[in-house]
Amino acid sequence: MSQSVKEENPYLYGWLSTDEIREYRRKNKSAKKTDKRVPLKEAIEKGVNQGDYIVFSGMGSVRNPMAGVYEIIRQNIGDLTVAAKGSQHDWQLLAAAGLITKAEIAYGFGDEVRGLCPASRRAVKNGSLKILSEMTNAGFQWRFSAAARGIPFFPSRTAIGTDTLHYSGAKVIEDPFTGEKINLLPACHPDVAIIHVHRADKYGNCQIDGNITVDIDLAHAAKKVIITAEKIVPEEEIQKRPDLTKIPFFVVDAVVEAPFGSHPNQVPYKYSFDEDQWMEWLKASATDEGVQEYLDKYIRSAKDHFEYLEKIGGLAKLRELENIENGTTPHPAVSTRGALN
């Protein structure tokens, strides 16, 4: 069914019919509680495939799953399509590494107060990155909202009167109540969502402190969900505050413990932005040569997430970022791997 619909509407990306996604979930998701803890390398090897449509958690430079992004780069998984719905540094690095070849964009080419993103802009100009569609952040969020709720579209007026309507896969109909025009935004079911959270249990029940952004909808919309967590905690700790549990275990496929897994970005109440690292990246991203040197220095040469953390300054730097966020006293500098495991 999806193939024939997509042939009629070539701007449908990440779209499946309601029956198709239900059938997928029946075959691949389970309500049984099983231990889903795996190493980061394994989670990415099994969860992300060449050519996947991928989406990341967070908004702007906050609570992005950077540890997962770095592992994709280490494994050189390419020809990816990204839903760039407001998160930045995650897909920018993948595009700079030549692994993102297509993108649907809401807000995607700015690093907030730090300026524009030169590496991904160059990729568009040289043709290695194709922009499939562009829409508002609200419009993109509503596509995931529709998918999460098991409905094929979300009614809106957000694109009517704009050029983006013609490249969004949306259709315009007559509102049966008012007779006015209304556009239907197609649901979006990514192949995989990588979501970084404050804590999770081994089954995949996830808690997020502060702004949730659209991550609840992403978890229910995506076919596969990889969770990276600052800490994996006992189920009993999750049960003490069930109101904080935003993502339920039955939508999650893999759980990875990745402390400081959003570095150099912020995780609210945990640690702040590493502006030194950001400035180094922005300087490097000015040229293709600089990009490759940066990726080689910090990501490709690191065998895992913990070695990456050592390369960016180790525990002393990480405690400094905690102190900026929380006002705590920095801990003594000891081995990152030993202290964080």
C-alpha atoms as a PDB file:
ATOM      1  CA  MET A   1       0.000   0.000   0.000  1.00  0.00           C
ATOM      2  CA  SER A   2       2.693   2.502   0.980  1.00  0.00           C
ATOM      3  CA  GLN A   3       4.580   2.092  -2.290  1.00  0.00           C
ATOM      4  CA  SER A   4       1.590   2.991  -4.454  1.00  0.00           C
ATOM      5  CA  VAL A   5       0.714   5.948  -2.242  1.00  0.00           C
ATOM      6  CA  LYS A   6       4.300   7.213  -2.380  1.00  0.00           C
ATOM      7  CA  GLU A   7       4.368   6.907  -6.157  1.00  0.00           C
ATOM      8  CA  GLU A   8       1.343   9.215  -6.299  1.00  0.00           C
ATOM      9  CA  ASN A   9       2.889  11.589  -3.741  1.00  0.00           C
ATOM     10  CA  PRO A  10       6.698  11.728  -4.157  1.00  0.00           C
ATOM     11  CA  TYR A  11       7.120  14.055  -1.152  1.00  0.00           C
ATOM     12  CA  LEU A  12       6.066  11.449   1.403  1.00  0.00           C
ATOM     13  CA  TYR A  13       9.094  10.608   3.541  1.00  0.00           C
ATOM     14  CA  GLY A  14       9.052   8.449   6.655  1.00  0.00           C
ATOM     15  CA  TRP A  15       5.463   7.526   5.876  1.00  0.00           C
ATOM     16  CA  LEU A  16       3.720   4.203   6.422  1.00  0.00           C
ATOM     17  CA  SER A  17       0.039   3.397   6.357  1.00  0.00           C
ATOM     18  CA  THR A  18      -1.623   2.901   9.721  1.00  0.00           C
ATOM     19  CA  ASP A  19      -2.126  -0.810   9.077  1.00  0.00           C
ATOM     20  CA  GLU A  20       1.515  -1.287   8.069  1.00  0.00           C
ATOM     21  CA  ILE A  21       2.918   0.290  11.235  1.00  0.00           C
ATOM     22  CA  ARG A  22       0.493  -1.693  13.391  1.00  0.00           C
ATOM     23  CA  GLU A  23       1.610  -4.895  11.706  1.00  0.00           C
ATOM     24  CA  TYR A  24       5.264  -3.936  12.253  1.00  0.00           C
ATOM     25  CA  ARG A  25       4.628  -3.366  15.951  1.00  0.00           C
ATOM     26  CA  ARG A  26       2.774  -6.645  16.339  1.00  0.00           C
ATOM     27  CA  LYS A  27       5.771  -8.492  14.921  1.00  0.00           C
ATOM     28  CA  ASN A  28       8.609  -6.516  16.498  1.00  0.00           C
ATOM     29  CA  LYS A  29       7.425  -4.967  19.774  1.00  0.00           C
ATOM     30  CA  SER A  30       6.553  -6.798  22.956  1.00  0.00           C
ATOM     31  CA  ALA A  31       4.797  -5.910  26.203  1.00  0.00           C
ATOM     32  CA  LYS A  32       7.019  -8.367  28.068  1.00  0.00           C
ATOM     33  CA  LYS A  33       9.619  -6.864  30.367  1.00  0.00           C
ATOM     34  CA  THR A  34      13.028  -7.966  29.121  1.00  0.00           C
ATOM     35  CA  ASP A  35      16.485  -6.664  29.931  1.00  0.00           C
ATOM     36  CA  LYS A  36      17.377  -4.383  27.009  1.00  0.00           C
ATOM     37  CA  ARG A  37      20.772  -3.176  28.227  1.00  0.00           C
ATOM     38  CA  VAL A  38      23.437  -3.386  25.541  1.00  0.00           C
ATOM     39  CA  PRO A  39      26.769  -1.664  24.834  1.00  0.00           C
ATOM     40  CA  LEU A  40      26.552   1.403  22.638  1.00  0.00           C
ATOM     41  CA  LYS A  41      28.435  -0.260  19.782  1.00  0.00           C
ATOM     42  CA  GLU A  42      25.961  -3.136  19.665  1.00  0.00           C
ATOM     43  CA  ALA A  43      22.918  -0.860  19.906  1.00  0.00           C
ATOM     44  CA  ILE A  44      24.049   1.110  16.849  1.00  0.00           C
ATOM     45  CA  GLU A  45      25.194  -1.975  14.884  1.00  0.00           C
ATOM     46  CA  LYS A  46      21.791  -3.626  15.305  1.00  0.00           C
ATOM     47  CA  GLY A  47      19.595  -0.556  15.369  1.00  0.00           C
ATOM     48  CA  VAL A  48      20.854   1.719  12.586  1.00  0.00           C
ATOM     49  CA  ASN A  49      21.139   0.556   8.989  1.00  0.00           C
ATOM     50  CA  GLN A  50      22.520   2.115   5.830  1.00  0.00           C
ATOM     51  CA  GLY A  51      19.811   4.252   4.243  1.00  0.00           C
ATOM     52  CA  ASP A  52      17.653   4.628   7.370  1.00  0.00           C
ATOM     53  CA  TYR A  53      15.392   7.592   8.085  1.00  0.00           C
ATOM     54  CA  ILE A  54      16.652   8.774  11.482  1.00  0.00           C
ATOM     55  CA  VAL A  55      15.605  11.303  14.112  1.00  0.00           C
ATOM     56  CA  PHE A  56      17.239  12.520  17.324  1.00  0.00           C
ATOM     57  CA  SER A  57      15.971  13.714  20.684  1.00  0.00           C
ATOM     58  CA  GLY A  58      16.188  17.161  22.178  1.00  0.00           C
ATOM     59  CA  MET A  59      15.856  20.637  20.775  1.00  0.00           C
ATOM     60  CA  GLY A  60      18.572  22.989  19.625  1.00  0.00           C
ATOM     61  CA  SER A  61      21.684  21.927  21.524  1.00  0.00           C
ATOM     62  CA  VAL A  62      19.906  20.452  24.536  1.00  0.00           C
ATOM     63  CA  ARG A  63      19.737  16.723  25.392  1.00  0.00           C
ATOM     64  CA  ASN A  64      20.855  15.493  21.973  1.00  0.00           C
ATOM     65  CA  PRO A  65      22.080  11.856  21.819  1.00  0.00           C
ATOM     66  CA  MET A  66      25.632  12.732  20.840  1.00  0.00           C
ATOM     67  CA  ALA A  67      27.186   9.467  22.066  1.00  0.00           C
ATOM     68  CA  GLY A  68      24.964   7.626  19.589  1.00  0.00           C
ATOM     69  CA  VAL A  69      25.911  10.043  16.816  1.00  0.00           C
ATOM     70  CA  TYR A  70      29.626   9.531  17.461  1.00  0.00           C
ATOM     71  CA  GLU A  71      29.162   5.767  17.274  1.00  0.00           C
ATOM     72  CA  ILE A  72      27.366   6.070  13.920  1.00  0.00           C
ATOM     73  CA  ILE A  73      30.397   8.018  12.679  1.00  0.00           C
ATOM     74  CA  ARG A  74      32.807   5.392  14.031  1.00  0.00           C
ATOM     75  CA  GLN A  75      30.822   2.663  12.262  1.00  0.00           C
ATOM     76  CA  ASN A  76      30.530   4.795   9.086  1.00  0.00           C
ATOM     77  CA  ILE A  77      26.806   4.111   8.586  1.00  0.00           C
ATOM     78  CA  GLY A  78      25.789   6.319   5.686  1.00  0.00           C
ATOM     79  CA  ASP A  79      23.185   7.341   3.134  1.00  0.00           C
ATOM     80  CA  LEU A  80      20.971   8.402   6.031  1.00  0.00           C
ATOM     81  CA  THR A  81      17.912  10.620   5.799  1.00  0.00           C
ATOM     82  CA  VAL A  82      17.387  12.882   8.805  1.00  0.00           C
ATOM     83  CA  ALA A  83      14.351  14.559  10.276  1.00  0.00           C
ATOM     84  CA  ALA A  84      15.992  17.839  11.310  1.00  0.00           C
ATOM     85  CA  LYS A  85      13.160  19.111  13.482  1.00  0.00           C
ATOM     86  CA  GLY A  86      15.096  21.542  15.615  1.00  0.00           C
ATOM     87  CA  SER A  87      18.004  19.495  16.946  1.00  0.00           C
ATOM     88  CA  GLN A  88      21.308  20.694  15.566  1.00  0.00           C
ATOM     89  CA  HIS A  89      24.739  19.371  16.453  1.00  0.00           C
ATOM     90  CA  ASP A  90      23.729  15.728  16.065  1.00  0.00           C
ATOM     91  CA  TRP A  91      22.807  15.696  12.392  1.00  0.00           C
ATOM     92  CA  GLN A  92      25.286  18.444  11.554  1.00  0.00           C
ATOM     93  CA  LEU A  93      28.192  16.188  12.508  1.00  0.00           C
ATOM     94  CA  LEU A  94      26.752  13.316  10.487  1.00  0.00           C
ATOM     95  CA  ALA A  95      26.292  15.582   7.482  1.00  0.00           C
ATOM     96  CA  ALA A  96      29.849  16.883   7.886  1.00  0.00           C
ATOM     97  CA  ALA A  97      31.041  13.270   7.948  1.00  0.00           C
ATOM     98  CA  GLY A  98      29.198  12.620   4.671  1.00  0.00           C
ATOM     99  CA  LEU A  99      26.738  10.190   6.274  1.00  0.00           C
ATOM    100  CA  ILE A 100      23.559  12.272   5.910  1.00  0.00           C
ATOM    101  CA  THR A 101      22.610  12.542   2.249  1.00  0.00           C
ATOM    102  CA  LYS A 102      18.965  13.692   2.541  1.00  0.00           C
ATOM    103  CA  ALA A 103      17.172  15.886   5.058  1.00  0.00           C
ATOM    104  CA  GLU A 104      13.704  17.102   5.910  1.00  0.00           C
ATOM    105  CA  ILE A 105      14.183  20.439   7.619  1.00  0.00           C
ATOM    106  CA  ALA A 106      12.296  22.480  10.158  1.00  0.00           C
ATOM    107  CA  TYR A 107      15.085  24.492  11.772  1.00  0.00           C
ATOM    108  CA  GLY A 108      18.329  22.906  10.792  1.00  0.00           C
ATOM    109  CA  PHE A 109      21.199  25.155   9.707  1.00  0.00           C
ATOM    110  CA  GLY A 110      21.827  27.327  12.735  1.00  0.00           C
ATOM    111  CA  ASP A 111      23.795  26.585  15.901  1.00  0.00           C
ATOM    112  CA  GLU A 112      21.608  28.963  17.888  1.00  0.00           C
ATOM    113  CA  VAL A 113      23.607  31.907  19.290  1.00  0.00           C
ATOM    114  CA  ARG A 114      26.815  30.436  17.860  1.00  0.00           C
ATOM    115  CA  GLY A 115      25.900  31.202  14.263  1.00  0.00           C
ATOM    116  CA  LEU A 116      25.257  29.204  11.100  1.00  0.00           C
ATOM    117  CA  CYS A 117      26.496  25.692  10.334  1.00  0.00           C
ATOM    118  CA  PRO A 118      29.145  25.956   7.607  1.00  0.00           C
ATOM    119  CA  ALA A 119      29.788  22.232   7.048  1.00  0.00           C
ATOM    120  CA  SER A 120      26.196  21.229   6.281  1.00  0.00           C
ATOM    121  CA  ARG A 121      25.639  24.377   4.219  1.00  0.00           C
ATOM    122  CA  ARG A 122      28.640  23.411   2.082  1.00  0.00           C
ATOM    123  CA  ALA A 123      27.170  19.937   1.672  1.00  0.00           C
ATOM    124  CA  VAL A 124      23.973  21.436   0.252  1.00  0.00           C
ATOM    125  CA  LYS A 125      25.896  23.695  -2.089  1.00  0.00           C
ATOM    126  CA  ASN A 126      28.090  20.899  -3.458  1.00  0.00           C
ATOM    127  CA  GLY A 127      25.126  18.564  -3.907  1.00  0.00           C
ATOM    128  CA  SER A 128      26.132  15.861  -1.419  1.00  0.00           C
ATOM    129  CA  LEU A 129      23.178  16.778   0.826  1.00  0.00           C
ATOM    130  CA  LYS A 130      19.698  17.038  -0.667  1.00  0.00           C
ATOM    131  CA  ILE A 131      16.947  18.957   1.120  1.00  0.00           C
ATOM    132  CA  LEU A 132      13.708  17.033   0.639  1.00  0.00           C
ATOM    133  CA  SER A 133      11.264  19.392   2.328  1.00  0.00           C
ATOM    134  CA  GLU A 134      11.027  22.302   4.712  1.00  0.00           C
ATOM    135  CA  MET A 135       8.325  23.112   7.233  1.00  0.00           C
ATOM    136  CA  THR A 136       7.770  24.756  10.604  1.00  0.00           C
ATOM    137  CA  ASN A 137       8.863  23.152  13.858  1.00  0.00           C
ATOM    138  CA  ALA A 138       5.190  22.901  14.787  1.00  0.00           C
ATOM    139  CA  GLY A 139       4.356  21.187  11.503  1.00  0.00           C
ATOM    140  CA  PHE A 140       7.089  18.618  11.971  1.00  0.00           C
ATOM    141  CA  GLN A 141       6.053  17.952  15.552  1.00  0.00           C
ATOM    142  CA  TRP A 142       2.459  17.382  14.432  1.00  0.00           C
ATOM    143  CA  ARG A 143       3.641  14.775  11.921  1.00  0.00           C
ATOM    144  CA  PHE A 144       5.194  12.793  14.780  1.00  0.00           C
ATOM    145  CA  SER A 145       2.098  13.421  16.905  1.00  0.00           C
ATOM    146  CA  ALA A 146      -0.079  11.833  14.237  1.00  0.00           C
ATOM    147  CA  ALA A 147       2.247   8.848  13.938  1.00  0.00           C
ATOM    148  CA  ALA A 148       2.367   8.365  17.713  1.00  0.00           C
ATOM    149  CA  ARG A 149      -1.408   8.294  17.864  1.00  0.00           C
ATOM    150  CA  GLY A 150      -1.811   5.827  15.053  1.00  0.00           C
ATOM    151  CA  ILE A 151      -3.514   8.215  12.656  1.00  0.00           C
ATOM    152  CA  PRO A 152      -2.336   8.915   9.088  1.00  0.00           C
ATOM    153  CA  PHE A 153      -2.293  12.720   9.196  1.00  0.00           C
ATOM    154  CA  PHE A 154      -2.603  15.833  11.339  1.00  0.00           C
ATOM    155  CA  PRO A 155      -4.998  18.617  10.257  1.00  0.00           C
ATOM    156  CA  SER A 156      -3.447  22.076  10.266  1.00  0.00           C
ATOM    157  CA  ARG A 157      -3.360  25.431   8.478  1.00  0.00           C
ATOM    158  CA  THR A 158       0.375  25.926   9.019  1.00  0.00           C
ATOM    159  CA  ALA A 159       1.523  25.509   5.400  1.00  0.00           C
ATOM    160  CA  ILE A 160      -1.367  27.008   3.435  1.00  0.00           C
ATOM    161  CA  GLY A 161      -0.236  30.061   1.493  1.00  0.00           C
ATOM    162  CA  THR A 162       3.447  29.085   1.577  1.00  0.00           C
ATOM    163  CA  ASP A 163       5.737  27.445  -0.966  1.00  0.00           C
ATOM    164  CA  THR A 164       6.623  24.776   1.610  1.00  0.00           C
ATOM    165  CA  LEU A 165       3.169  23.239   1.160  1.00  0.00           C
ATOM    166  CA  HIS A 166       4.116  21.922  -2.288  1.00  0.00           C
ATOM    167  CA  TYR A 167       7.186  20.058  -0.971  1.00  0.00           C
ATOM    168  CA  SER A 168       5.762  18.726   2.288  1.00  0.00           C
ATOM    169  CA  GLY A 169       3.671  15.774   1.164  1.00  0.00           C
ATOM    170  CA  ALA A 170       0.633  17.539   2.656  1.00  0.00           C
ATOM    171  CA  LYS A 171      -2.749  17.635   0.968  1.00  0.00           C
ATOM    172  CA  VAL A 172      -5.332  20.411   1.049  1.00  0.00           C
ATOM    173  CA  ILE A 173      -8.978  19.567   1.651  1.00  0.00           C
ATOM    174  CA  GLU A 174     -12.131  21.429   2.571  1.00  0.00           C
ATOM    175  CA  ASP A 175     -12.876  21.558   6.285  1.00  0.00           C
ATOM    176  CA  PRO A 176     -16.228  19.722   6.559  1.00  0.00           C
ATOM    177  CA  PHE A 177     -17.331  22.009   9.400  1.00  0.00           C
ATOM    178  CA  THR A 178     -16.427  25.443   8.015  1.00  0.00           C
ATOM    179  CA  GLY A 179     -15.828  24.897   4.302  1.00  0.00           C
ATOM    180  CA  GLU A 180     -12.424  26.581   4.649  1.00  0.00           C
ATOM    181  CA  LYS A 181      -9.202  25.121   3.293  1.00  0.00           C
ATOM    182  CA  ILE A 182      -7.174  22.943   5.618  1.00  0.00           C
ATOM    183  CA  ASN A 183      -3.967  21.005   5.004  1.00  0.00           C
ATOM    184  CA  LEU A 184      -3.323  17.463   6.182  1.00  0.00           C
ATOM    185  CA  LEU A 185       0.267  16.851   7.307  1.00  0.00           C
ATOM    186  CA  PRO A 186       1.289  13.213   6.718  1.00  0.00           C
ATOM    187  CA  ALA A 187       2.325  11.121   9.713  1.00  0.00           C
ATOM    188  CA  CYS A 188       6.060  10.447  10.021  1.00  0.00           C
ATOM    189  CA  HIS A 189       7.392   7.056  11.178  1.00  0.00           C
ATOM    190  CA  PRO A 190      11.224   7.195  11.261  1.00  0.00           C
ATOM    191  CA  ASP A 191      13.127   3.925  10.935  1.00  0.00           C
ATOM    192  CA  VAL A 192      14.962   4.732  14.151  1.00  0.00           C
ATOM    193  CA  ALA A 193      14.869   7.336  16.914  1.00  0.00           C
ATOM    194  CA  ILE A 194      17.844   7.801  19.218  1.00  0.00           C
ATOM    195  CA  ILE A 195      16.728   9.503  22.422  1.00  0.00           C
ATOM    196  CA  HIS A 196      18.911  10.669  25.316  1.00  0.00           C
ATOM    197  CA  VAL A 197      17.294  10.709  28.767  1.00  0.00           C
ATOM    198  CA  HIS A 198      18.285  11.460  32.330  1.00  0.00           C
ATOM    199  CA  ARG A 199      17.711   7.909  33.586  1.00  0.00           C
ATOM    200  CA  ALA A 200      16.151   4.632  32.551  1.00  0.00           C
ATOM    201  CA  ASP A 201      15.724   1.175  33.978  1.00  0.00           C
ATOM    202  CA  LYS A 202      16.951  -1.956  32.242  1.00  0.00           C
ATOM    203  CA  TYR A 203      13.563  -2.507  30.610  1.00  0.00           C
ATOM    204  CA  GLY A 204      13.457   0.908  28.936  1.00  0.00           C
ATOM    205  CA  ASN A 205      11.211   2.951  31.187  1.00  0.00           C
ATOM    206  CA  CYS A 206      12.685   6.435  30.765  1.00  0.00           C
ATOM    207  CA  GLN A 207      12.527   9.580  32.856  1.00  0.00           C
ATOM    208  CA  ILE A 208      13.276  13.080  31.607  1.00  0.00           C
ATOM    209  CA  ASP A 209      13.743  16.142  33.800  1.00  0.00           C
ATOM    210  CA  GLY A 210      12.762  19.492  32.340  1.00  0.00           C
ATOM    211  CA  ASN A 211      11.670  20.146  28.776  1.00  0.00           C
ATOM    212  CA  ILE A 212      10.481  16.997  27.010  1.00  0.00           C
ATOM    213  CA  THR A 213      10.277  18.620  23.536  1.00  0.00           C
ATOM    214  CA  VAL A 214       8.696  16.127  21.117  1.00  0.00           C
ATOM    215  CA  ASP A 215      10.491  13.055  22.457  1.00  0.00           C
ATOM    216  CA  ILE A 216       7.410  11.221  23.743  1.00  0.00           C
ATOM    217  CA  ASP A 217       5.886  11.343  20.279  1.00  0.00           C
ATOM    218  CA  LEU A 218       9.186  10.321  18.671  1.00  0.00           C
ATOM    219  CA  ALA A 219       9.377   7.225  20.863  1.00  0.00           C
ATOM    220  CA  HIS A 220       5.879   6.141  19.847  1.00  0.00           C
ATOM    221  CA  ALA A 221       6.268   7.121  16.186  1.00  0.00           C
ATOM    222  CA  ALA A 222       9.564   5.425  15.325  1.00  0.00           C
ATOM    223  CA  LYS A 223       9.876   1.818  14.263  1.00  0.00           C
ATOM    224  CA  LYS A 224      12.993   1.319  16.416  1.00  0.00           C
ATOM    225  CA  VAL A 225      13.959   3.257  19.556  1.00  0.00           C
ATOM    226  CA  ILE A 226      17.472   3.376  20.996  1.00  0.00           C
ATOM    227  CA  ILE A 227      17.748   4.976  24.431  1.00  0.00           C
ATOM    228  CA  THR A 228      20.985   6.431  25.761  1.00  0.00           C
ATOM    229  CA  ALA A 229      20.731   7.337  29.426  1.00  0.00           C
ATOM    230  CA  GLU A 230      22.884   9.332  31.788  1.00  0.00           C
ATOM    231  CA  LYS A 231      22.303   6.515  34.252  1.00  0.00           C
ATOM    232  CA  ILE A 232      20.568   3.143  34.348  1.00  0.00           C
ATOM    233  CA  VAL A 233      18.764   2.836  37.671  1.00  0.00           C
ATOM    234  CA  PRO A 234      16.797   0.044  39.401  1.00  0.00           C
ATOM    235  CA  GLU A 235      13.143  -0.310  38.438  1.00  0.00           C
ATOM    236  CA  GLU A 236      12.244   0.558  42.040  1.00  0.00           C
ATOM    237  CA  GLU A 237      13.729   4.024  41.615  1.00  0.00           C
ATOM    238  CA  ILE A 238      11.636   4.610  38.500  1.00  0.00           C
ATOM    239  CA  GLN A 239       8.522   3.475  40.351  1.00  0.00           C
ATOM    240  CA  LYS A 240       9.061   6.033  43.128  1.00  0.00           C
ATOM    241  CA  ARG A 241       8.264   8.861  40.687  1.00  0.00           C
ATOM    242  CA  PRO A 242       6.053   7.390  37.949  1.00  0.00           C
ATOM    243  CA  ASP A 243       4.992  10.917  36.968  1.00  0.00           C
ATOM    244  CA  LEU A 244       8.495  11.481  35.596  1.00  0.00           C
ATOM    245  CA  THR A 245       8.384   8.412  33.346  1.00  0.00           C
ATOM    246  CA  LYS A 246       7.823   9.833  29.871  1.00  0.00           C
ATOM    247  CA  ILE A 247       8.764   6.890  27.636  1.00  0.00           C
ATOM    248  CA  PRO A 248       7.406   3.394  28.451  1.00  0.00           C
ATOM    249  CA  PHE A 249       9.448   0.223  28.108  1.00  0.00           C
ATOM    250  CA  PHE A 250       7.294  -1.392  25.428  1.00  0.00           C
ATOM    251  CA  VAL A 251       8.340   1.082  22.702  1.00  0.00           C
ATOM    252  CA  VAL A 252      12.072   0.769  23.472  1.00  0.00           C
ATOM    253  CA  ASP A 253      14.408  -1.647  21.671  1.00  0.00           C
ATOM    254  CA  ALA A 254      17.778  -0.956  23.338  1.00  0.00           C
ATOM    255  CA  VAL A 255      19.014   0.800  26.480  1.00  0.00           C
ATOM    256  CA  VAL A 256      22.577   2.113  26.757  1.00  0.00           C
ATOM    257  CA  GLU A 257      24.185   3.748  29.766  1.00  0.00           C
ATOM    258  CA  ALA A 258      26.053   6.773  28.417  1.00  0.00           C
ATOM    259  CA  PRO A 259      27.016   9.310  31.104  1.00  0.00           C
ATOM    260  CA  PHE A 260      27.664  12.735  29.624  1.00  0.00           C
ATOM    261  CA  GLY A 261      26.103  11.287  26.477  1.00  0.00           C
ATOM    262  CA  SER A 262      25.037  14.683  25.159  1.00  0.00           C
ATOM    263  CA  HIS A 263      28.456  16.388  25.384  1.00  0.00           C
ATOM    264  CA  PRO A 264      29.254  19.089  24.232  1.00  0.00           C
ATOM    265  CA  ASN A 265      25.583  19.925  24.626  1.00  0.00           C
ATOM    266  CA  GLN A 266      23.515  20.443  27.744  1.00  0.00           C
ATOM    267  CA  VAL A 267      21.458  18.029  29.807  1.00  0.00           C
ATOM    268  CA  PRO A 268      19.317  20.199  32.113  1.00  0.00           C
ATOM    269  CA  TYR A 269      20.137  19.857  35.809  1.00  0.00           C
ATOM    270  CA  LYS A 270      23.118  17.598  34.973  1.00  0.00           C
ATOM    271  CA  TYR A 271      25.748  19.551  33.025  1.00  0.00           C
ATOM    272  CA  SER A 272      26.070  22.617  30.849  1.00  0.00           C
ATOM    273  CA  PHE A 273      27.372  23.243  27.335  1.00  0.00           C
ATOM    274  CA  ASP A 274      31.080  22.807  26.714  1.00  0.00           C
ATOM    275  CA  GLU A 275      31.653  26.081  24.924  1.00  0.00           C
ATOM    276  CA  ASP A 276      35.374  25.397  24.550  1.00  0.00           C
ATOM    277  CA  GLN A 277      34.586  22.257  22.572  1.00  0.00           C
ATOM    278  CA  TRP A 278      31.912  24.075  20.599  1.00  0.00           C
ATOM    279  CA  MET A 279      34.354  26.788  19.591  1.00  0.00           C
ATOM    280  CA  GLU A 280      36.888  24.187  18.504  1.00  0.00           C
ATOM    281  CA  TRP A 281      34.263  22.494  16.340  1.00  0.00           C
ATOM    282  CA  LEU A 282      33.023  25.743  14.793  1.00  0.00           C
ATOM    283  CA  LYS A 283      36.563  26.744  13.901  1.00  0.00           C
ATOM    284  CA  ALA A 284      37.268  23.315  12.425  1.00  0.00           C
ATOM    285  CA  SER A 285      33.994  23.226  10.472  1.00  0.00           C
ATOM    286  CA  ALA A 286      35.030  26.262   8.424  1.00  0.00           C
ATOM    287  CA  THR A 287      36.856  23.937   6.006  1.00  0.00           C
ATOM    288  CA  ASP A 288      36.462  20.336   4.839  1.00  0.00           C
ATOM    289  CA  GLU A 289      40.003  19.622   5.995  1.00  0.00           C
ATOM    290  CA  GLY A 290      39.244  21.006   9.438  1.00  0.00           C
ATOM    291  CA  VAL A 291      36.138  18.818   9.690  1.00  0.00           C
ATOM    292  CA  GLN A 292      38.089  15.645   8.941  1.00  0.00           C
ATOM    293  CA  GLU A 293      40.838  16.573  11.403  1.00  0.00           C
ATOM    294  CA  TYR A 294      38.264  17.182  14.134  1.00  0.00           C
ATOM    295  CA  LEU A 295      36.414  13.911  13.464  1.00  0.00           C
ATOM    296  CA  ASP A 296      39.670  11.979  13.421  1.00  0.00           C
ATOM    297  CA  LYS A 297      40.969  13.603  16.608  1.00  0.00           C
ATOM    298  CA  TYR A 298      37.918  13.211  18.812  1.00  0.00           C
ATOM    299  CA  ILE A 299      35.620  10.574  17.318  1.00  0.00           C
ATOM    300  CA  ARG A 300      37.159   8.138  14.843  1.00  0.00           C
ATOM    301  CA  SER A 301      40.279   7.631  16.955  1.00  0.00           C
ATOM    302  CA  ALA A 302      38.239   6.955  20.121  1.00  0.00           C
ATOM    303  CA  LYS A 303      37.356   3.293  20.532  1.00  0.00           C
ATOM    304  CA  ASP A 304      34.245   4.101  22.572  1.00  0.00           C
ATOM    305  CA  HIS A 305      32.300   6.828  24.358  1.00  0.00           C
ATOM    306  CA  PHE A 306      34.544   6.794  27.438  1.00  0.00           C
ATOM    307  CA  GLU A 307      37.689   7.308  25.401  1.00  0.00           C
ATOM    308  CA  TYR A 308      35.963  10.237  23.693  1.00  0.00           C
ATOM    309  CA  LEU A 309      35.299  11.763  27.125  1.00  0.00           C
ATOM    310  CA  GLU A 310      38.971  11.424  28.002  1.00  0.00           C
ATOM    311  CA  LYS A 311      39.950  13.171  24.771  1.00  0.00           C
ATOM    312  CA  ILE A 312      37.773  16.226  25.478  1.00  0.00           C
ATOM    313  CA  GLY A 313      39.316  16.776  28.911  1.00  0.00           C
ATOM    314  CA  GLY A 314      38.277  13.859  31.082  1.00  0.00           C
ATOM    315  CA  LEU A 315      36.636  14.046  34.455  1.00  0.00           C
ATOM    316  CA  ALA A 316      38.082  17.466  35.319  1.00  0.00           C
ATOM    317  CA  LYS A 317      36.299  19.043  32.319  1.00  0.00           C
ATOM    318  CA  LEU A 318      33.092  17.112  32.972  1.00  0.00           C
ATOM    319  CA  ARG A 319      32.939  18.157  36.621  1.00  0.00           C
ATOM    320  CA  GLU A 320      33.517  21.738  35.503  1.00  0.00           C
ATOM    321  CA  LEU A 321      30.439  21.480  33.265  1.00  0.00           C
ATOM    322  CA  GLU A 322      28.431  20.035  36.156  1.00  0.00           C
ATOM    323  CA  ASN A 323      29.556  22.942  38.292  1.00  0.00           C
ATOM    324  CA  ILE A 324      28.425  25.470  35.688  1.00  0.00           C
ATOM    325  CA  GLU A 325      24.988  23.824  35.539  1.00  0.00           C
ATOM    326  CA  ASN A 326      24.449  23.124  39.226  1.00  0.00           C
ATOM    327  CA  GLY A 327      26.919  25.219  41.207  1.00  0.00           C
ATOM    328  CA  THR A 328      28.530  22.139  42.763  1.00  0.00           C
ATOM    329  CA  THR A 329      32.177  21.834  43.774  1.00  0.00           C
ATOM    330  CA  PRO A 330      34.273  19.974  41.194  1.00  0.00           C
ATOM    331  CA  HIS A 331      35.341  16.478  42.213  1.00  0.00           C
ATOM    332  CA  PRO A 332      39.027  15.397  42.154  1.00  0.00           C
ATOM    333  CA  ALA A 333      40.198  14.473  38.666  1.00  0.00           C
ATOM    334  CA  VAL A 334      40.407  10.698  38.401  1.00  0.00           C
ATOM    335  CA  SER A 335      40.083   8.223  35.531  1.00  0.00           C
ATOM    336  CA  THR A 336      36.907   8.944  33.594  1.00  0.00           C
ATOM    337  CA  ARG A 337      36.256   5.294  32.833  1.00  0.00           C
ATOM    338  CA  GLY A 338      36.721   4.148  36.408  1.00  0.00           C
ATOM    339  CA  ALA A 339      34.679   6.981  37.899  1.00  0.00           C
ATOM    340  CA  LEU A 340      31.738   6.821  35.509  1.00  0.00           C
ATOM    341  CA  ASN A 341      31.192   3.065  35.190  1.00  0.00           C
END
